[in-house]
């Protein structure tokens, strides 16, 4: 009779099983969409590498169906770059097999690349199933693996976070400085300033992340300058000296970089000061 002692892998699997008990159900009590998003990308990062996993989950990979690489040089260049990215992804799992595919003719066809992408989506779908429960799990099953390319967008919109009124409420709360529930103040007395600023930065990144890729450049609410202005407006008066010191330091650095250090004077252009974005 032999006793089996727990191995490192067994302990790790036990811990992961314990963590995974909190699942995404679409309700407030379960896993949030943000956490689901993180878990999907974290799992994909180990499997496919960071860049490919992110683009696969977000449906941001090159659109293969619209390509005509044999008739257009730009299409051919884009397709070749995509194939190189797929090769890097396959190397994460099996470098020898990836090398064999790289030197085969079928690897360089749109048909094979399309089939390969679907196989990776199937793996992603299986992991998504393990993270969902209740209505969210039912909806995932209903959509099916063939619609995995749209799944992230579907879950985001179906379970609240992507609904206009819900998102607008969250944006409004962010632009108000995410005030404390008890005091109603953005920076209550003796608050941990570092934690508060990190909280605001995380919310800005979330809003920017949820914004469609082609609209991020014009999304004012997600810009860092918007966050900076809001913080300066909400800061208590006791921080005025600190803000002035930072602005003065920035002014010195800017003029020094441009070789115009002699232009610094005590005169302050209030109009410029009110509208500066630096």
C-alpha atoms as a PDB file:
ATOM      1  CA  UNK A   1       0.000   0.000   0.000  1.00  0.00           C
ATOM      2  CA  UNK A   2       1.470   3.326  -1.099  1.00  0.00           C
ATOM      3  CA  UNK A   3       0.644   6.758   0.264  1.00  0.00           C
ATOM      4  CA  UNK A   4       0.327   9.504  -2.329  1.00  0.00           C
ATOM      5  CA  UNK A   5       1.636  12.807  -1.105  1.00  0.00           C
ATOM      6  CA  UNK A   6       0.199  15.962  -2.669  1.00  0.00           C
ATOM      7  CA  UNK A   7       2.375  17.363  -5.443  1.00  0.00           C
ATOM      8  CA  UNK A   8       2.859  21.012  -6.344  1.00  0.00           C
ATOM      9  CA  UNK A   9       0.472  20.630  -9.309  1.00  0.00           C
ATOM     10  CA  UNK A  10      -2.209  19.025  -7.121  1.00  0.00           C
ATOM     11  CA  UNK A  11      -1.989  21.898  -4.630  1.00  0.00           C
ATOM     12  CA  UNK A  12      -2.137  24.457  -7.439  1.00  0.00           C
ATOM     13  CA  UNK A  13      -5.180  22.793  -9.012  1.00  0.00           C
ATOM     14  CA  UNK A  14      -6.917  22.689  -5.634  1.00  0.00           C
ATOM     15  CA  UNK A  15      -6.298  26.403  -5.135  1.00  0.00           C
ATOM     16  CA  UNK A  16      -7.536  27.234  -8.636  1.00  0.00           C
ATOM     17  CA  UNK A  17     -10.687  25.173  -8.055  1.00  0.00           C
ATOM     18  CA  UNK A  18     -11.360  27.133  -4.868  1.00  0.00           C
ATOM     19  CA  UNK A  19     -10.890  30.449  -6.636  1.00  0.00           C
ATOM     20  CA  UNK A  20     -13.105  29.481  -9.582  1.00  0.00           C
ATOM     21  CA  UNK A  21     -16.104  28.961  -7.276  1.00  0.00           C
ATOM     22  CA  UNK A  22     -16.986  32.623  -7.877  1.00  0.00           C
ATOM     23  CA  UNK A  23     -18.466  32.490 -11.379  1.00  0.00           C
ATOM     24  CA  UNK A  24     -19.914  34.983 -13.833  1.00  0.00           C
ATOM     25  CA  UNK A  25     -23.696  34.718 -13.636  1.00  0.00           C
ATOM     26  CA  UNK A  26     -24.607  38.165 -14.907  1.00  0.00           C
ATOM     27  CA  UNK A  27     -25.663  39.221 -11.406  1.00  0.00           C
ATOM     28  CA  UNK A  28     -24.010  41.657  -9.015  1.00  0.00           C
ATOM     29  CA  UNK A  29     -23.297  38.865  -6.531  1.00  0.00           C
ATOM     30  CA  UNK A  30     -21.170  36.875  -8.969  1.00  0.00           C
ATOM     31  CA  UNK A  31     -17.996  37.561 -10.881  1.00  0.00           C
ATOM     32  CA  UNK A  32     -18.054  41.027 -12.462  1.00  0.00           C
ATOM     33  CA  UNK A  33     -17.599  41.488 -16.198  1.00  0.00           C
ATOM     34  CA  UNK A  34     -14.271  43.224 -15.569  1.00  0.00           C
ATOM     35  CA  UNK A  35     -12.997  40.202 -13.615  1.00  0.00           C
ATOM     36  CA  UNK A  36     -14.297  37.830 -16.287  1.00  0.00           C
ATOM     37  CA  UNK A  37     -12.457  39.909 -18.875  1.00  0.00           C
ATOM     38  CA  UNK A  38      -9.228  39.680 -16.859  1.00  0.00           C
ATOM     39  CA  UNK A  39      -9.544  35.925 -16.346  1.00  0.00           C
ATOM     40  CA  UNK A  40     -10.185  35.241 -20.037  1.00  0.00           C
ATOM     41  CA  UNK A  41      -7.169  37.284 -21.105  1.00  0.00           C
ATOM     42  CA  UNK A  42      -4.981  35.825 -18.368  1.00  0.00           C
ATOM     43  CA  UNK A  43      -5.825  32.262 -19.425  1.00  0.00           C
ATOM     44  CA  UNK A  44      -5.358  33.118 -23.100  1.00  0.00           C
ATOM     45  CA  UNK A  45      -2.016  34.764 -22.387  1.00  0.00           C
ATOM     46  CA  UNK A  46      -0.621  31.477 -21.095  1.00  0.00           C
ATOM     47  CA  UNK A  47      -2.059  29.569 -24.045  1.00  0.00           C
ATOM     48  CA  UNK A  48      -1.531  31.903 -27.008  1.00  0.00           C
ATOM     49  CA  UNK A  49       0.724  34.735 -25.863  1.00  0.00           C
ATOM     50  CA  UNK A  50      -0.491  38.181 -24.818  1.00  0.00           C
ATOM     51  CA  UNK A  51      -1.044  39.901 -28.177  1.00  0.00           C
ATOM     52  CA  UNK A  52      -2.858  37.076 -29.939  1.00  0.00           C
ATOM     53  CA  UNK A  53      -4.976  36.213 -26.864  1.00  0.00           C
ATOM     54  CA  UNK A  54      -6.120  39.804 -26.456  1.00  0.00           C
ATOM     55  CA  UNK A  55      -7.009  40.215 -30.119  1.00  0.00           C
ATOM     56  CA  UNK A  56      -8.735  36.827 -30.279  1.00  0.00           C
ATOM     57  CA  UNK A  57     -10.937  37.495 -27.235  1.00  0.00           C
ATOM     58  CA  UNK A  58     -11.754  41.040 -28.354  1.00  0.00           C
ATOM     59  CA  UNK A  59     -12.298  40.065 -31.995  1.00  0.00           C
ATOM     60  CA  UNK A  60      -9.584  42.469 -33.174  1.00  0.00           C
ATOM     61  CA  UNK A  61      -7.622  40.058 -35.366  1.00  0.00           C
ATOM     62  CA  UNK A  62      -7.220  40.725 -39.066  1.00  0.00           C
ATOM     63  CA  UNK A  63     -10.483  40.162 -40.951  1.00  0.00           C
ATOM     64  CA  UNK A  64      -9.546  37.264 -43.241  1.00  0.00           C
ATOM     65  CA  UNK A  65     -12.758  37.041 -45.269  1.00  0.00           C
ATOM     66  CA  UNK A  66     -12.173  40.421 -46.916  1.00  0.00           C
ATOM     67  CA  UNK A  67      -8.613  39.642 -48.014  1.00  0.00           C
ATOM     68  CA  UNK A  68      -7.489  38.925 -51.550  1.00  0.00           C
ATOM     69  CA  UNK A  69      -3.739  38.376 -51.024  1.00  0.00           C
ATOM     70  CA  UNK A  70      -3.202  37.041 -54.543  1.00  0.00           C
ATOM     71  CA  UNK A  71      -4.540  40.220 -56.170  1.00  0.00           C
ATOM     72  CA  UNK A  72      -3.469  43.024 -53.841  1.00  0.00           C
ATOM     73  CA  UNK A  73       0.023  43.739 -52.522  1.00  0.00           C
ATOM     74  CA  UNK A  74      -1.248  45.483 -49.396  1.00  0.00           C
ATOM     75  CA  UNK A  75      -3.521  42.546 -48.651  1.00  0.00           C
ATOM     76  CA  UNK A  76      -0.610  40.196 -49.174  1.00  0.00           C
ATOM     77  CA  UNK A  77       1.580  42.167 -46.756  1.00  0.00           C
ATOM     78  CA  UNK A  78      -1.169  42.256 -44.088  1.00  0.00           C
ATOM     79  CA  UNK A  79      -1.818  38.537 -44.535  1.00  0.00           C
ATOM     80  CA  UNK A  80       1.874  37.648 -44.227  1.00  0.00           C
ATOM     81  CA  UNK A  81       2.155  39.707 -41.041  1.00  0.00           C
ATOM     82  CA  UNK A  82      -0.856  37.891 -39.643  1.00  0.00           C
ATOM     83  CA  UNK A  83       0.640  34.491 -40.518  1.00  0.00           C
ATOM     84  CA  UNK A  84       3.818  35.448 -38.675  1.00  0.00           C
ATOM     85  CA  UNK A  85       1.714  36.342 -35.621  1.00  0.00           C
ATOM     86  CA  UNK A  86      -0.064  32.974 -35.820  1.00  0.00           C
ATOM     87  CA  UNK A  87       3.308  31.215 -36.061  1.00  0.00           C
ATOM     88  CA  UNK A  88       4.457  32.959 -32.865  1.00  0.00           C
ATOM     89  CA  UNK A  89       1.219  31.907 -31.187  1.00  0.00           C
ATOM     90  CA  UNK A  90       1.637  28.266 -32.221  1.00  0.00           C
ATOM     91  CA  UNK A  91       5.208  28.274 -30.915  1.00  0.00           C
ATOM     92  CA  UNK A  92       3.811  28.936 -27.431  1.00  0.00           C
ATOM     93  CA  UNK A  93       2.326  25.428 -27.477  1.00  0.00           C
ATOM     94  CA  UNK A  94       4.608  23.369 -29.729  1.00  0.00           C
ATOM     95  CA  UNK A  95       7.556  24.998 -31.498  1.00  0.00           C
ATOM     96  CA  UNK A  96       8.444  21.909 -33.545  1.00  0.00           C
ATOM     97  CA  UNK A  97       4.934  21.528 -34.899  1.00  0.00           C
ATOM     98  CA  UNK A  98       4.796  25.263 -35.628  1.00  0.00           C
ATOM     99  CA  UNK A  99       8.010  25.014 -37.657  1.00  0.00           C
ATOM    100  CA  UNK A 100       6.535  22.163 -39.701  1.00  0.00           C
ATOM    101  CA  UNK A 101       3.404  24.165 -40.469  1.00  0.00           C
ATOM    102  CA  UNK A 102       5.361  27.328 -41.266  1.00  0.00           C
ATOM    103  CA  UNK A 103       7.172  25.585 -44.126  1.00  0.00           C
ATOM    104  CA  UNK A 104       4.036  23.944 -45.534  1.00  0.00           C
ATOM    105  CA  UNK A 105       1.993  25.489 -48.337  1.00  0.00           C
ATOM    106  CA  UNK A 106      -1.338  25.127 -46.550  1.00  0.00           C
ATOM    107  CA  UNK A 107      -0.201  27.366 -43.684  1.00  0.00           C
ATOM    108  CA  UNK A 108      -0.090  30.299 -46.123  1.00  0.00           C
ATOM    109  CA  UNK A 109      -3.702  30.024 -47.256  1.00  0.00           C
ATOM    110  CA  UNK A 110      -6.677  32.054 -46.028  1.00  0.00           C
ATOM    111  CA  UNK A 111      -8.692  28.840 -45.616  1.00  0.00           C
ATOM    112  CA  UNK A 112      -6.215  27.230 -43.220  1.00  0.00           C
ATOM    113  CA  UNK A 113      -5.757  30.426 -41.215  1.00  0.00           C
ATOM    114  CA  UNK A 114      -9.541  30.742 -40.871  1.00  0.00           C
ATOM    115  CA  UNK A 115      -9.832  27.150 -39.630  1.00  0.00           C
ATOM    116  CA  UNK A 116      -6.904  27.643 -37.229  1.00  0.00           C
ATOM    117  CA  UNK A 117      -8.525  30.729 -35.730  1.00  0.00           C
ATOM    118  CA  UNK A 118     -11.771  28.860 -35.171  1.00  0.00           C
ATOM    119  CA  UNK A 119      -9.901  26.082 -33.362  1.00  0.00           C
ATOM    120  CA  UNK A 120      -8.371  28.641 -31.001  1.00  0.00           C
ATOM    121  CA  UNK A 121     -11.807  30.163 -30.416  1.00  0.00           C
ATOM    122  CA  UNK A 122     -13.119  26.720 -29.484  1.00  0.00           C
ATOM    123  CA  UNK A 123     -10.466  26.479 -26.760  1.00  0.00           C
ATOM    124  CA  UNK A 124     -11.400  29.937 -25.545  1.00  0.00           C
ATOM    125  CA  UNK A 125     -15.073  28.965 -25.564  1.00  0.00           C
ATOM    126  CA  UNK A 126     -14.407  25.920 -23.376  1.00  0.00           C
ATOM    127  CA  UNK A 127     -12.635  28.073 -20.800  1.00  0.00           C
ATOM    128  CA  UNK A 128     -15.438  30.650 -20.898  1.00  0.00           C
ATOM    129  CA  UNK A 129     -17.939  27.875 -20.131  1.00  0.00           C
ATOM    130  CA  UNK A 130     -15.973  27.000 -16.980  1.00  0.00           C
ATOM    131  CA  UNK A 131     -16.251  30.608 -15.737  1.00  0.00           C
ATOM    132  CA  UNK A 132     -20.007  31.040 -16.239  1.00  0.00           C
ATOM    133  CA  UNK A 133     -23.070  29.901 -14.336  1.00  0.00           C
ATOM    134  CA  UNK A 134     -26.855  30.361 -14.285  1.00  0.00           C
ATOM    135  CA  UNK A 135     -28.235  32.694 -16.989  1.00  0.00           C
ATOM    136  CA  UNK A 136     -24.789  33.673 -18.276  1.00  0.00           C
ATOM    137  CA  UNK A 137     -23.930  29.987 -18.854  1.00  0.00           C
ATOM    138  CA  UNK A 138     -27.255  29.456 -20.625  1.00  0.00           C
ATOM    139  CA  UNK A 139     -26.662  32.414 -22.903  1.00  0.00           C
ATOM    140  CA  UNK A 140     -23.147  31.240 -23.738  1.00  0.00           C
ATOM    141  CA  UNK A 141     -24.525  27.822 -24.682  1.00  0.00           C
ATOM    142  CA  UNK A 142     -27.308  29.426 -26.672  1.00  0.00           C
ATOM    143  CA  UNK A 143     -24.903  31.585 -28.677  1.00  0.00           C
ATOM    144  CA  UNK A 144     -22.637  28.617 -29.311  1.00  0.00           C
ATOM    145  CA  UNK A 145     -19.009  28.288 -30.246  1.00  0.00           C
ATOM    146  CA  UNK A 146     -19.614  29.494 -33.804  1.00  0.00           C
ATOM    147  CA  UNK A 147     -20.412  32.948 -32.448  1.00  0.00           C
ATOM    148  CA  UNK A 148     -17.408  33.070 -30.158  1.00  0.00           C
ATOM    149  CA  UNK A 149     -16.003  36.014 -32.127  1.00  0.00           C
ATOM    150  CA  UNK A 150     -18.922  38.140 -30.869  1.00  0.00           C
ATOM    151  CA  UNK A 151     -19.151  36.646 -27.371  1.00  0.00           C
ATOM    152  CA  UNK A 152     -17.309  39.335 -25.398  1.00  0.00           C
ATOM    153  CA  UNK A 153     -19.391  42.106 -26.929  1.00  0.00           C
ATOM    154  CA  UNK A 154     -22.581  40.076 -26.403  1.00  0.00           C
ATOM    155  CA  UNK A 155     -21.910  39.421 -22.690  1.00  0.00           C
ATOM    156  CA  UNK A 156     -20.928  43.046 -22.137  1.00  0.00           C
ATOM    157  CA  UNK A 157     -24.222  44.288 -23.578  1.00  0.00           C
ATOM    158  CA  UNK A 158     -26.485  41.487 -22.337  1.00  0.00           C
ATOM    159  CA  UNK A 159     -25.614  41.713 -18.663  1.00  0.00           C
ATOM    160  CA  UNK A 160     -25.773  45.402 -17.928  1.00  0.00           C
ATOM    161  CA  UNK A 161     -22.300  46.888 -18.243  1.00  0.00           C
ATOM    162  CA  UNK A 162     -22.814  47.778 -21.901  1.00  0.00           C
ATOM    163  CA  UNK A 163     -26.353  49.144 -21.622  1.00  0.00           C
ATOM    164  CA  UNK A 164     -26.380  52.925 -22.305  1.00  0.00           C
ATOM    165  CA  UNK A 165     -28.160  53.942 -19.088  1.00  0.00           C
ATOM    166  CA  UNK A 166     -25.870  51.759 -16.939  1.00  0.00           C
ATOM    167  CA  UNK A 167     -22.696  52.984 -18.622  1.00  0.00           C
ATOM    168  CA  UNK A 168     -23.862  56.613 -18.477  1.00  0.00           C
ATOM    169  CA  UNK A 169     -24.454  56.287 -14.734  1.00  0.00           C
ATOM    170  CA  UNK A 170     -20.961  54.900 -14.292  1.00  0.00           C
ATOM    171  CA  UNK A 171     -19.410  57.678 -16.398  1.00  0.00           C
ATOM    172  CA  UNK A 172     -21.297  60.330 -14.416  1.00  0.00           C
ATOM    173  CA  UNK A 173     -20.085  58.825 -11.130  1.00  0.00           C
ATOM    174  CA  UNK A 174     -16.505  58.829 -12.476  1.00  0.00           C
ATOM    175  CA  UNK A 175     -16.633  62.455 -13.656  1.00  0.00           C
ATOM    176  CA  UNK A 176     -17.921  63.443 -10.216  1.00  0.00           C
ATOM    177  CA  UNK A 177     -14.756  61.932  -8.752  1.00  0.00           C
ATOM    178  CA  UNK A 178     -16.342  58.708  -7.430  1.00  0.00           C
ATOM    179  CA  UNK A 179     -17.326  60.357  -4.112  1.00  0.00           C
ATOM    180  CA  UNK A 180     -17.288  58.397  -0.857  1.00  0.00           C
ATOM    181  CA  UNK A 181     -20.662  56.760  -0.127  1.00  0.00           C
ATOM    182  CA  UNK A 182     -20.689  57.819   3.532  1.00  0.00           C
ATOM    183  CA  UNK A 183     -19.460  61.414   3.305  1.00  0.00           C
ATOM    184  CA  UNK A 184     -20.269  62.278  -0.309  1.00  0.00           C
ATOM    185  CA  UNK A 185     -16.771  63.771  -0.601  1.00  0.00           C
ATOM    186  CA  UNK A 186     -14.271  62.907  -3.328  1.00  0.00           C
ATOM    187  CA  UNK A 187     -11.310  63.317  -0.982  1.00  0.00           C
ATOM    188  CA  UNK A 188     -12.630  62.927   2.580  1.00  0.00           C
ATOM    189  CA  UNK A 189     -10.353  63.962   5.484  1.00  0.00           C
ATOM    190  CA  UNK A 190      -7.448  61.587   6.142  1.00  0.00           C
ATOM    191  CA  UNK A 191      -8.238  59.479   3.068  1.00  0.00           C
ATOM    192  CA  UNK A 192      -5.450  57.409   1.527  1.00  0.00           C
ATOM    193  CA  UNK A 193      -4.635  59.642  -1.456  1.00  0.00           C
ATOM    194  CA  UNK A 194      -2.622  56.992  -3.288  1.00  0.00           C
ATOM    195  CA  UNK A 195      -5.475  54.461  -3.109  1.00  0.00           C
ATOM    196  CA  UNK A 196      -7.988  57.081  -4.250  1.00  0.00           C
ATOM    197  CA  UNK A 197      -5.927  58.134  -7.256  1.00  0.00           C
ATOM    198  CA  UNK A 198      -5.380  54.484  -8.198  1.00  0.00           C
ATOM    199  CA  UNK A 199      -9.143  53.912  -8.000  1.00  0.00           C
ATOM    200  CA  UNK A 200      -9.807  56.824 -10.370  1.00  0.00           C
ATOM    201  CA  UNK A 201      -7.114  55.639 -12.764  1.00  0.00           C
ATOM    202  CA  UNK A 202      -8.563  52.105 -12.844  1.00  0.00           C
ATOM    203  CA  UNK A 203     -11.999  53.492 -13.658  1.00  0.00           C
ATOM    204  CA  UNK A 204     -10.588  55.629 -16.468  1.00  0.00           C
ATOM    205  CA  UNK A 205      -8.851  52.599 -17.927  1.00  0.00           C
ATOM    206  CA  UNK A 206     -12.079  50.582 -17.702  1.00  0.00           C
ATOM    207  CA  UNK A 207     -14.111  53.232 -19.550  1.00  0.00           C
ATOM    208  CA  UNK A 208     -11.436  53.554 -22.220  1.00  0.00           C
ATOM    209  CA  UNK A 209     -11.158  49.778 -22.522  1.00  0.00           C
ATOM    210  CA  UNK A 210     -14.906  49.385 -23.033  1.00  0.00           C
ATOM    211  CA  UNK A 211     -14.975  52.098 -25.704  1.00  0.00           C
ATOM    212  CA  UNK A 212     -14.882  50.759 -29.319  1.00  0.00           C
ATOM    213  CA  UNK A 213     -11.339  50.843 -30.652  1.00  0.00           C
ATOM    214  CA  UNK A 214     -12.145  53.229 -33.522  1.00  0.00           C
ATOM    215  CA  UNK A 215     -13.701  55.805 -31.143  1.00  0.00           C
ATOM    216  CA  UNK A 216     -11.096  55.906 -28.366  1.00  0.00           C
ATOM    217  CA  UNK A 217      -9.116  58.797 -29.833  1.00  0.00           C
ATOM    218  CA  UNK A 218     -12.158  61.110 -29.624  1.00  0.00           C
ATOM    219  CA  UNK A 219     -13.524  59.772 -26.321  1.00  0.00           C
ATOM    220  CA  UNK A 220     -13.027  62.790 -24.045  1.00  0.00           C
ATOM    221  CA  UNK A 221     -14.270  61.104 -20.847  1.00  0.00           C
ATOM    222  CA  UNK A 222     -11.507  58.493 -21.157  1.00  0.00           C
ATOM    223  CA  UNK A 223      -8.654  60.952 -21.697  1.00  0.00           C
ATOM    224  CA  UNK A 224      -5.969  61.422 -19.074  1.00  0.00           C
ATOM    225  CA  UNK A 225      -6.332  65.206 -19.317  1.00  0.00           C
ATOM    226  CA  UNK A 226     -10.009  64.892 -18.292  1.00  0.00           C
ATOM    227  CA  UNK A 227      -9.011  62.886 -15.228  1.00  0.00           C
ATOM    228  CA  UNK A 228      -6.263  65.380 -14.331  1.00  0.00           C
ATOM    229  CA  UNK A 229      -8.601  68.373 -14.567  1.00  0.00           C
ATOM    230  CA  UNK A 230     -11.236  66.627 -12.464  1.00  0.00           C
ATOM    231  CA  UNK A 231      -8.692  65.757  -9.746  1.00  0.00           C
ATOM    232  CA  UNK A 232      -7.381  69.332  -9.592  1.00  0.00           C
ATOM    233  CA  UNK A 233     -10.938  70.712  -9.311  1.00  0.00           C
ATOM    234  CA  UNK A 234     -11.871  68.297  -6.509  1.00  0.00           C
ATOM    235  CA  UNK A 235      -8.664  68.452  -4.459  1.00  0.00           C
ATOM    236  CA  UNK A 236      -8.994  70.076  -1.004  1.00  0.00           C
ATOM    237  CA  UNK A 237      -7.405  73.502  -0.566  1.00  0.00           C
ATOM    238  CA  UNK A 238      -4.561  72.092   1.515  1.00  0.00           C
ATOM    239  CA  UNK A 239      -3.192  70.546  -1.698  1.00  0.00           C
ATOM    240  CA  UNK A 240      -2.992  73.887  -3.557  1.00  0.00           C
ATOM    241  CA  UNK A 241       0.683  74.328  -2.686  1.00  0.00           C
ATOM    242  CA  UNK A 242       1.516  70.803  -3.885  1.00  0.00           C
ATOM    243  CA  UNK A 243      -0.316  71.359  -7.193  1.00  0.00           C
ATOM    244  CA  UNK A 244       1.479  74.676  -7.725  1.00  0.00           C
ATOM    245  CA  UNK A 245       4.842  73.037  -7.005  1.00  0.00           C
ATOM    246  CA  UNK A 246       4.163  70.307  -9.588  1.00  0.00           C
ATOM    247  CA  UNK A 247       3.066  72.867 -12.189  1.00  0.00           C
ATOM    248  CA  UNK A 248       6.161  74.989 -11.551  1.00  0.00           C
ATOM    249  CA  UNK A 249       8.401  71.926 -11.849  1.00  0.00           C
ATOM    250  CA  UNK A 250       6.738  71.010 -15.135  1.00  0.00           C
ATOM    251  CA  UNK A 251       7.235  74.557 -16.396  1.00  0.00           C
ATOM    252  CA  UNK A 252      10.946  74.449 -15.566  1.00  0.00           C
ATOM    253  CA  UNK A 253      11.361  71.080 -17.277  1.00  0.00           C
ATOM    254  CA  UNK A 254       9.494  72.225 -20.398  1.00  0.00           C
ATOM    255  CA  UNK A 255      11.504  75.407 -20.800  1.00  0.00           C
ATOM    256  CA  UNK A 256      14.730  73.585 -19.988  1.00  0.00           C
ATOM    257  CA  UNK A 257      14.023  70.947 -22.626  1.00  0.00           C
ATOM    258  CA  UNK A 258      13.433  73.644 -25.236  1.00  0.00           C
ATOM    259  CA  UNK A 259      16.484  75.645 -24.204  1.00  0.00           C
ATOM    260  CA  UNK A 260      14.326  78.630 -23.161  1.00  0.00           C
ATOM    261  CA  UNK A 261      15.063  78.662 -19.429  1.00  0.00           C
ATOM    262  CA  UNK A 262      15.647  82.428 -19.560  1.00  0.00           C
ATOM    263  CA  UNK A 263      12.018  83.076 -20.496  1.00  0.00           C
ATOM    264  CA  UNK A 264      10.717  81.961 -17.092  1.00  0.00           C
ATOM    265  CA  UNK A 265       9.383  84.976 -15.147  1.00  0.00           C
ATOM    266  CA  UNK A 266       7.148  85.630 -12.158  1.00  0.00           C
ATOM    267  CA  UNK A 267       4.416  86.787 -14.513  1.00  0.00           C
ATOM    268  CA  UNK A 268       1.723  84.166 -14.928  1.00  0.00           C
ATOM    269  CA  UNK A 269      -0.648  84.163 -17.909  1.00  0.00           C
ATOM    270  CA  UNK A 270      -3.932  83.311 -16.166  1.00  0.00           C
ATOM    271  CA  UNK A 271      -5.756  82.638 -19.410  1.00  0.00           C
ATOM    272  CA  UNK A 272      -3.164  80.106 -20.464  1.00  0.00           C
ATOM    273  CA  UNK A 273      -3.118  78.664 -16.931  1.00  0.00           C
ATOM    274  CA  UNK A 274      -6.873  78.032 -17.013  1.00  0.00           C
ATOM    275  CA  UNK A 275      -6.789  76.192 -20.325  1.00  0.00           C
ATOM    276  CA  UNK A 276      -3.506  74.324 -20.150  1.00  0.00           C
ATOM    277  CA  UNK A 277      -3.566  70.561 -20.655  1.00  0.00           C
ATOM    278  CA  UNK A 278       0.092  69.750 -19.900  1.00  0.00           C
END
